[in-house]
Amino acid sequence: MAQFCWQMRGCDDEMQSRCPHNVPGATCPEDCYYSMCKRPTHQRAVGLDLLANPDVDRSAAVRDVCRACMFFINNGPVKKD
């Protein structure tokens, strides 16, 4: 099954084996070099209506940078009631 971009960490398997953020529930912080997104679909969201959208399931993102990405906000999973 294919993974979505917000489900993938930016570093390779070797680096993940020693990364302090690669633990269940932890996300890659925005200041980590490997968490930067270079995909053409990445666009930083602006505006409180997008950033504060209560329907987006932000827990699905393994990188903090994804949580403020318009592609993730518009195409990512929604919270289930």
PDB file of N, CA and C in Angstrom:
ATOM      1  N   MET A   1       0.844  -1.178   0.000  1.00  0.00           N
ATOM      2  CA  MET A   1       0.000   0.000   0.000  1.00  0.00           C
ATOM      3  C   MET A   1       0.896   1.251   0.000  1.00  0.00           C
ATOM      4  N   ALA A   2       0.598   2.196  -0.840  1.00  0.00           N
ATOM      5  CA  ALA A   2       1.374   3.423  -0.941  1.00  0.00           C
ATOM      6  C   ALA A   2       1.134   4.318   0.272  1.00  0.00           C
ATOM      7  N   GLN A   3       2.170   5.020   0.671  1.00  0.00           N
ATOM      8  CA  GLN A   3       2.054   5.952   1.782  1.00  0.00           C
ATOM      9  C   GLN A   3       1.867   7.367   1.250  1.00  0.00           C
ATOM     10  N   PHE A   4       1.168   8.161   2.015  1.00  0.00           N
ATOM     11  CA  PHE A   4       1.033   9.579   1.706  1.00  0.00           C
ATOM     12  C   PHE A   4       2.282  10.293   2.203  1.00  0.00           C
ATOM     13  N   CYS A   5       2.573  11.460   1.624  1.00  0.00           N
ATOM     14  CA  CYS A   5       3.794  12.185   1.994  1.00  0.00           C
ATOM     15  C   CYS A   5       3.829  12.527   3.484  1.00  0.00           C
ATOM     16  N   TRP A   6       2.703  12.795   4.093  1.00  0.00           N
ATOM     17  CA  TRP A   6       2.684  13.171   5.507  1.00  0.00           C
ATOM     18  C   TRP A   6       2.883  11.969   6.429  1.00  0.00           C
ATOM     19  N   GLN A   7       2.947  10.768   5.865  1.00  0.00           N
ATOM     20  CA  GLN A   7       3.179   9.565   6.650  1.00  0.00           C
ATOM     21  C   GLN A   7       4.639   9.125   6.612  1.00  0.00           C
ATOM     22  N   MET A   8       5.488   9.859   5.868  1.00  0.00           N
ATOM     23  CA  MET A   8       6.883   9.461   5.691  1.00  0.00           C
ATOM     24  C   MET A   8       7.825  10.469   6.357  1.00  0.00           C
ATOM     25  N   ARG A   9       8.817   9.943   7.036  1.00  0.00           N
ATOM     26  CA  ARG A   9       9.852  10.787   7.604  1.00  0.00           C
ATOM     27  C   ARG A   9      10.826  11.149   6.484  1.00  0.00           C
ATOM     28  N   GLY A  10      11.588  12.186   6.683  1.00  0.00           N
ATOM     29  CA  GLY A  10      12.484  12.649   5.639  1.00  0.00           C
ATOM     30  C   GLY A  10      13.845  12.000   5.610  1.00  0.00           C
ATOM     31  N   CYS A  11      14.158  11.195   6.603  1.00  0.00           N
ATOM     32  CA  CYS A  11      15.487  10.583   6.645  1.00  0.00           C
ATOM     33  C   CYS A  11      15.417   9.112   6.239  1.00  0.00           C
ATOM     34  N   ASP A  12      16.573   8.560   5.903  1.00  0.00           N
ATOM     35  CA  ASP A  12      16.629   7.168   5.459  1.00  0.00           C
ATOM     36  C   ASP A  12      16.549   6.203   6.649  1.00  0.00           C
ATOM     37  N   ASP A  13      16.503   4.922   6.345  1.00  0.00           N
ATOM     38  CA  ASP A  13      16.355   3.897   7.393  1.00  0.00           C
ATOM     39  C   ASP A  13      17.500   3.921   8.404  1.00  0.00           C
ATOM     40  N   GLU A  14      18.724   4.141   7.927  1.00  0.00           N
ATOM     41  CA  GLU A  14      19.866   4.162   8.831  1.00  0.00           C
ATOM     42  C   GLU A  14      19.741   5.308   9.827  1.00  0.00           C
ATOM     43  N   MET A  15      19.380   6.472   9.340  1.00  0.00           N
ATOM     44  CA  MET A  15      19.247   7.622  10.233  1.00  0.00           C
ATOM     45  C   MET A  15      18.057   7.434  11.185  1.00  0.00           C
ATOM     46  N   GLN A  16      16.969   6.848  10.690  1.00  0.00           N
ATOM     47  CA  GLN A  16      15.818   6.608  11.555  1.00  0.00           C
ATOM     48  C   GLN A  16      16.171   5.680  12.707  1.00  0.00           C
ATOM     49  N   SER A  17      17.116   4.782  12.486  1.00  0.00           N
ATOM     50  CA  SER A  17      17.493   3.837  13.546  1.00  0.00           C
ATOM     51  C   SER A  17      18.152   4.528  14.739  1.00  0.00           C
ATOM     52  N   ARG A  18      18.674   5.753  14.533  1.00  0.00           N
ATOM     53  CA  ARG A  18      19.331   6.469  15.631  1.00  0.00           C
ATOM     54  C   ARG A  18      18.707   7.833  15.925  1.00  0.00           C
ATOM     55  N   CYS A  19      17.615   8.146  15.249  1.00  0.00           N
ATOM     56  CA  CYS A  19      16.966   9.442  15.428  1.00  0.00           C
ATOM     57  C   CYS A  19      16.148   9.471  16.726  1.00  0.00           C
ATOM     58  N   PRO A  20      16.333  10.492  17.565  1.00  0.00           N
ATOM     59  CA  PRO A  20      15.583  10.559  18.819  1.00  0.00           C
ATOM     60  C   PRO A  20      14.091  10.849  18.617  1.00  0.00           C
ATOM     61  N   HIS A  21      13.706  11.292  17.431  1.00  0.00           N
ATOM     62  CA  HIS A  21      12.293  11.590  17.168  1.00  0.00           C
ATOM     63  C   HIS A  21      11.541  10.394  16.598  1.00  0.00           C
ATOM     64  N   ASN A  22      12.243   9.342  16.233  1.00  0.00           N
ATOM     65  CA  ASN A  22      11.617   8.176  15.621  1.00  0.00           C
ATOM     66  C   ASN A  22      11.116   7.204  16.691  1.00  0.00           C
ATOM     67  N   VAL A  23      10.157   7.670  17.446  1.00  0.00           N
ATOM     68  CA  VAL A  23       9.493   6.854  18.465  1.00  0.00           C
ATOM     69  C   VAL A  23       7.994   7.018  18.272  1.00  0.00           C
ATOM     70  N   PRO A  24       7.217   6.032  18.652  1.00  0.00           N
ATOM     71  CA  PRO A  24       5.763   6.155  18.475  1.00  0.00           C
ATOM     72  C   PRO A  24       5.220   7.420  19.140  1.00  0.00           C
ATOM     73  N   GLY A  25       4.460   8.167  18.378  1.00  0.00           N
ATOM     74  CA  GLY A  25       3.842   9.380  18.893  1.00  0.00           C
ATOM     75  C   GLY A  25       4.666  10.639  18.737  1.00  0.00           C
ATOM     76  N   ALA A  26       5.959  10.502  18.449  1.00  0.00           N
ATOM     77  CA  ALA A  26       6.815  11.678  18.282  1.00  0.00           C
ATOM     78  C   ALA A  26       6.829  12.105  16.820  1.00  0.00           C
ATOM     79  N   THR A  27       6.916  13.397  16.597  1.00  0.00           N
ATOM     80  CA  THR A  27       6.979  13.915  15.238  1.00  0.00           C
ATOM     81  C   THR A  27       8.353  14.519  14.981  1.00  0.00           C
ATOM     82  N   CYS A  28       8.687  14.626  13.710  1.00  0.00           N
ATOM     83  CA  CYS A  28       9.933  15.294  13.316  1.00  0.00           C
ATOM     84  C   CYS A  28       9.703  16.795  13.491  1.00  0.00           C
ATOM     85  N   PRO A  29      10.550  17.469  14.258  1.00  0.00           N
ATOM     86  CA  PRO A  29      10.365  18.906  14.455  1.00  0.00           C
ATOM     87  C   PRO A  29      10.703  19.686  13.184  1.00  0.00           C
ATOM     88  N   GLU A  30      10.118  20.867  13.050  1.00  0.00           N
ATOM     89  CA  GLU A  30      10.334  21.680  11.853  1.00  0.00           C
ATOM     90  C   GLU A  30      11.783  22.085  11.672  1.00  0.00           C
ATOM     91  N   ASP A  31      12.547  22.195  12.754  1.00  0.00           N
ATOM     92  CA  ASP A  31      13.929  22.641  12.615  1.00  0.00           C
ATOM     93  C   ASP A  31      14.897  21.520  12.236  1.00  0.00           C
ATOM     94  N   CYS A  32      14.409  20.309  12.062  1.00  0.00           N
ATOM     95  CA  CYS A  32      15.246  19.200  11.613  1.00  0.00           C
ATOM     96  C   CYS A  32      15.444  19.319  10.100  1.00  0.00           C
ATOM     97  N   TYR A  33      16.681  19.228   9.664  1.00  0.00           N
ATOM     98  CA  TYR A  33      16.998  19.345   8.236  1.00  0.00           C
ATOM     99  C   TYR A  33      16.220  18.331   7.407  1.00  0.00           C
ATOM    100  N   TYR A  34      16.042  17.125   7.911  1.00  0.00           N
ATOM    101  CA  TYR A  34      15.403  16.054   7.158  1.00  0.00           C
ATOM    102  C   TYR A  34      13.883  16.126   7.145  1.00  0.00           C
ATOM    103  N   SER A  35      13.309  17.026   7.921  1.00  0.00           N
ATOM    104  CA  SER A  35      11.848  17.136   7.915  1.00  0.00           C
ATOM    105  C   SER A  35      11.353  18.152   6.897  1.00  0.00           C
ATOM    106  N   MET A  36      12.271  18.874   6.263  1.00  0.00           N
ATOM    107  CA  MET A  36      11.858  19.842   5.247  1.00  0.00           C
ATOM    108  C   MET A  36      11.202  19.120   4.072  1.00  0.00           C
ATOM    109  N   CYS A  37      10.221  19.746   3.482  1.00  0.00           N
ATOM    110  CA  CYS A  37       9.515  19.145   2.359  1.00  0.00           C
ATOM    111  C   CYS A  37       9.931  19.832   1.069  1.00  0.00           C
ATOM    112  N   LYS A  38      10.363  19.036   0.121  1.00  0.00           N
ATOM    113  CA  LYS A  38      10.776  19.561  -1.172  1.00  0.00           C
ATOM    114  C   LYS A  38       9.809  19.160  -2.280  1.00  0.00           C
ATOM    115  N   ARG A  39       8.654  18.642  -1.916  1.00  0.00           N
ATOM    116  CA  ARG A  39       7.670  18.205  -2.912  1.00  0.00           C
ATOM    117  C   ARG A  39       6.992  19.408  -3.560  1.00  0.00           C
ATOM    118  N   PRO A  40       6.635  19.284  -4.825  1.00  0.00           N
ATOM    119  CA  PRO A  40       5.967  20.401  -5.508  1.00  0.00           C
ATOM    120  C   PRO A  40       4.579  20.690  -4.941  1.00  0.00           C
ATOM    121  N   THR A  41       4.005  19.748  -4.239  1.00  0.00           N
ATOM    122  CA  THR A  41       2.670  19.944  -3.660  1.00  0.00           C
ATOM    123  C   THR A  41       2.704  20.702  -2.343  1.00  0.00           C
ATOM    124  N   HIS A  42       3.897  20.865  -1.765  1.00  0.00           N
ATOM    125  CA  HIS A  42       4.003  21.534  -0.467  1.00  0.00           C
ATOM    126  C   HIS A  42       3.836  23.042  -0.620  1.00  0.00           C
ATOM    127  N   GLN A  43       2.903  23.567   0.130  1.00  0.00           N
ATOM    128  CA  GLN A  43       2.708  25.016   0.177  1.00  0.00           C
ATOM    129  C   GLN A  43       2.275  25.373   1.587  1.00  0.00           C
ATOM    130  N   ARG A  44       2.999  26.263   2.208  1.00  0.00           N
ATOM    131  CA  ARG A  44       2.701  26.673   3.582  1.00  0.00           C
ATOM    132  C   ARG A  44       1.340  27.349   3.634  1.00  0.00           C
ATOM    133  N   ALA A  45       0.506  26.899   4.525  1.00  0.00           N
ATOM    134  CA  ALA A  45      -0.837  27.463   4.691  1.00  0.00           C
ATOM    135  C   ALA A  45      -0.745  28.802   5.408  1.00  0.00           C
ATOM    136  N   VAL A  46      -1.542  29.727   4.953  1.00  0.00           N
ATOM    137  CA  VAL A  46      -1.638  31.028   5.608  1.00  0.00           C
ATOM    138  C   VAL A  46      -3.111  31.298   5.865  1.00  0.00           C
ATOM    139  N   GLY A  47      -3.368  31.978   6.938  1.00  0.00           N
ATOM    140  CA  GLY A  47      -4.748  32.282   7.296  1.00  0.00           C
ATOM    141  C   GLY A  47      -5.233  31.378   8.403  1.00  0.00           C
ATOM    142  N   LEU A  48      -5.844  31.976   9.364  1.00  0.00           N
ATOM    143  CA  LEU A  48      -6.316  31.234  10.529  1.00  0.00           C
ATOM    144  C   LEU A  48      -7.365  30.189  10.183  1.00  0.00           C
ATOM    145  N   ASP A  49      -8.191  30.449   9.169  1.00  0.00           N
ATOM    146  CA  ASP A  49      -9.227  29.485   8.806  1.00  0.00           C
ATOM    147  C   ASP A  49      -8.625  28.159   8.360  1.00  0.00           C
ATOM    148  N   LEU A  50      -7.495  28.174   7.664  1.00  0.00           N
ATOM    149  CA  LEU A  50      -6.823  26.933   7.261  1.00  0.00           C
ATOM    150  C   LEU A  50      -6.043  26.321   8.414  1.00  0.00           C
ATOM    151  N   LEU A  51      -5.266  27.140   9.089  1.00  0.00           N
ATOM    152  CA  LEU A  51      -4.406  26.630  10.155  1.00  0.00           C
ATOM    153  C   LEU A  51      -5.187  26.092  11.351  1.00  0.00           C
ATOM    154  N   ALA A  52      -6.359  26.632  11.584  1.00  0.00           N
ATOM    155  CA  ALA A  52      -7.157  26.208  12.736  1.00  0.00           C
ATOM    156  C   ALA A  52      -8.308  25.287  12.350  1.00  0.00           C
ATOM    157  N   ASN A  53      -8.293  24.763  11.142  1.00  0.00           N
ATOM    158  CA  ASN A  53      -9.367  23.874  10.685  1.00  0.00           C
ATOM    159  C   ASN A  53      -9.521  22.699  11.660  1.00  0.00           C
ATOM    160  N   PRO A  54     -10.646  22.609  12.355  1.00  0.00           N
ATOM    161  CA  PRO A  54     -10.810  21.569  13.370  1.00  0.00           C
ATOM    162  C   PRO A  54     -11.084  20.179  12.798  1.00  0.00           C
ATOM    163  N   ASP A  55     -11.345  20.090  11.503  1.00  0.00           N
ATOM    164  CA  ASP A  55     -11.667  18.799  10.895  1.00  0.00           C
ATOM    165  C   ASP A  55     -10.434  17.987  10.502  1.00  0.00           C
ATOM    166  N   VAL A  56      -9.269  18.617  10.410  1.00  0.00           N
ATOM    167  CA  VAL A  56      -8.055  17.939   9.973  1.00  0.00           C
ATOM    168  C   VAL A  56      -7.481  17.087  11.105  1.00  0.00           C
ATOM    169  N   ASP A  57      -7.165  15.841  10.784  1.00  0.00           N
ATOM    170  CA  ASP A  57      -6.557  14.943  11.770  1.00  0.00           C
ATOM    171  C   ASP A  57      -5.041  15.130  11.731  1.00  0.00           C
ATOM    172  N   ARG A  58      -4.556  16.079  12.473  1.00  0.00           N
ATOM    173  CA  ARG A  58      -3.132  16.406  12.454  1.00  0.00           C
ATOM    174  C   ARG A  58      -2.261  15.322  13.073  1.00  0.00           C
ATOM    175  N   SER A  59      -2.856  14.410  13.803  1.00  0.00           N
ATOM    176  CA  SER A  59      -2.076  13.311  14.397  1.00  0.00           C
ATOM    177  C   SER A  59      -1.574  12.336  13.323  1.00  0.00           C
ATOM    178  N   ALA A  60      -2.094  12.419  12.108  1.00  0.00           N
ATOM    179  CA  ALA A  60      -1.665  11.536  11.023  1.00  0.00           C
ATOM    180  C   ALA A  60      -0.319  11.945  10.442  1.00  0.00           C
ATOM    181  N   ALA A  61       0.109  13.163  10.693  1.00  0.00           N
ATOM    182  CA  ALA A  61       1.377  13.661  10.143  1.00  0.00           C
ATOM    183  C   ALA A  61       2.540  13.297  11.053  1.00  0.00           C
ATOM    184  N   VAL A  62       3.602  12.737  10.466  1.00  0.00           N
ATOM    185  CA  VAL A  62       4.780  12.381  11.265  1.00  0.00           C
ATOM    186  C   VAL A  62       5.812  13.506  11.275  1.00  0.00           C
ATOM    187  N   ARG A  63       5.579  14.542  10.487  1.00  0.00           N
ATOM    188  CA  ARG A  63       6.473  15.703  10.477  1.00  0.00           C
ATOM    189  C   ARG A  63       5.645  16.941  10.808  1.00  0.00           C
ATOM    190  N   ASP A  64       6.174  17.775  11.681  1.00  0.00           N
ATOM    191  CA  ASP A  64       5.461  18.994  12.064  1.00  0.00           C
ATOM    192  C   ASP A  64       5.205  19.913  10.884  1.00  0.00           C
ATOM    193  N   VAL A  65       6.116  19.927   9.925  1.00  0.00           N
ATOM    194  CA  VAL A  65       5.971  20.804   8.768  1.00  0.00           C
ATOM    195  C   VAL A  65       4.708  20.473   7.964  1.00  0.00           C
ATOM    196  N   CYS A  66       4.272  19.238   8.008  1.00  0.00           N
ATOM    197  CA  CYS A  66       3.066  18.827   7.268  1.00  0.00           C
ATOM    198  C   CYS A  66       1.795  19.432   7.874  1.00  0.00           C
ATOM    199  N   ARG A  67       1.807  19.647   9.146  1.00  0.00           N
ATOM    200  CA  ARG A  67       0.595  20.121   9.826  1.00  0.00           C
ATOM    201  C   ARG A  67       0.170  21.511   9.384  1.00  0.00           C
ATOM    202  N   ALA A  68       1.082  22.275   8.801  1.00  0.00           N
ATOM    203  CA  ALA A  68       0.767  23.608   8.301  1.00  0.00           C
ATOM    204  C   ALA A  68       0.883  23.667   6.778  1.00  0.00           C
ATOM    205  N   CYS A  69       0.771  22.522   6.119  1.00  0.00           N
ATOM    206  CA  CYS A  69       0.873  22.448   4.663  1.00  0.00           C
ATOM    207  C   CYS A  69      -0.534  22.422   4.057  1.00  0.00           C
ATOM    208  N   MET A  70      -0.748  23.272   3.060  1.00  0.00           N
ATOM    209  CA  MET A  70      -2.069  23.333   2.426  1.00  0.00           C
ATOM    210  C   MET A  70      -2.453  22.000   1.788  1.00  0.00           C
ATOM    211  N   PHE A  71      -1.485  21.285   1.207  1.00  0.00           N
ATOM    212  CA  PHE A  71      -1.787  19.992   0.600  1.00  0.00           C
ATOM    213  C   PHE A  71      -2.307  19.022   1.649  1.00  0.00           C
ATOM    214  N   PHE A  72      -1.659  18.982   2.808  1.00  0.00           N
ATOM    215  CA  PHE A  72      -2.104  18.105   3.892  1.00  0.00           C
ATOM    216  C   PHE A  72      -3.469  18.539   4.419  1.00  0.00           C
ATOM    217  N   ILE A  73      -3.648  19.824   4.645  1.00  0.00           N
ATOM    218  CA  ILE A  73      -4.915  20.324   5.186  1.00  0.00           C
ATOM    219  C   ILE A  73      -6.077  20.026   4.241  1.00  0.00           C
ATOM    220  N   ASN A  74      -5.835  20.164   2.948  1.00  0.00           N
ATOM    221  CA  ASN A  74      -6.903  19.944   1.964  1.00  0.00           C
ATOM    222  C   ASN A  74      -7.098  18.489   1.570  1.00  0.00           C
ATOM    223  N   ASN A  75      -6.066  17.639   1.702  1.00  0.00           N
ATOM    224  CA  ASN A  75      -6.157  16.266   1.218  1.00  0.00           C
ATOM    225  C   ASN A  75      -5.922  15.207   2.286  1.00  0.00           C
ATOM    226  N   GLY A  76      -5.531  15.634   3.468  1.00  0.00           N
ATOM    227  CA  GLY A  76      -5.224  14.685   4.528  1.00  0.00           C
ATOM    228  C   GLY A  76      -6.480  14.132   5.183  1.00  0.00           C
ATOM    229  N   PRO A  77      -6.282  13.253   6.138  1.00  0.00           N
ATOM    230  CA  PRO A  77      -7.422  12.627   6.802  1.00  0.00           C
ATOM    231  C   PRO A  77      -8.199  13.626   7.677  1.00  0.00           C
ATOM    232  N   VAL A  78      -9.459  13.345   7.819  1.00  0.00           N
ATOM    233  CA  VAL A  78     -10.313  14.171   8.677  1.00  0.00           C
ATOM    234  C   VAL A  78     -10.578  13.402   9.967  1.00  0.00           C
ATOM    235  N   LYS A  79     -10.827  14.156  11.013  1.00  0.00           N
ATOM    236  CA  LYS A  79     -11.125  13.540  12.312  1.00  0.00           C
ATOM    237  C   LYS A  79     -12.454  12.806  12.223  1.00  0.00           C
ATOM    238  N   LYS A  80     -12.486  11.666  12.895  1.00  0.00           N
ATOM    239  CA  LYS A  80     -13.726  10.898  12.978  1.00  0.00           C
ATOM    240  C   LYS A  80     -14.387  11.197  14.312  1.00  0.00           C
ATOM    241  N   ASP A  81     -15.673  11.307  14.284  1.00  0.00           N
ATOM    242  CA  ASP A  81     -16.425  11.614  15.524  1.00  0.00           C
ATOM    243  C   ASP A  81     -16.422  10.469  16.482  1.00  0.00           C
TER     244      ASP A  81
END
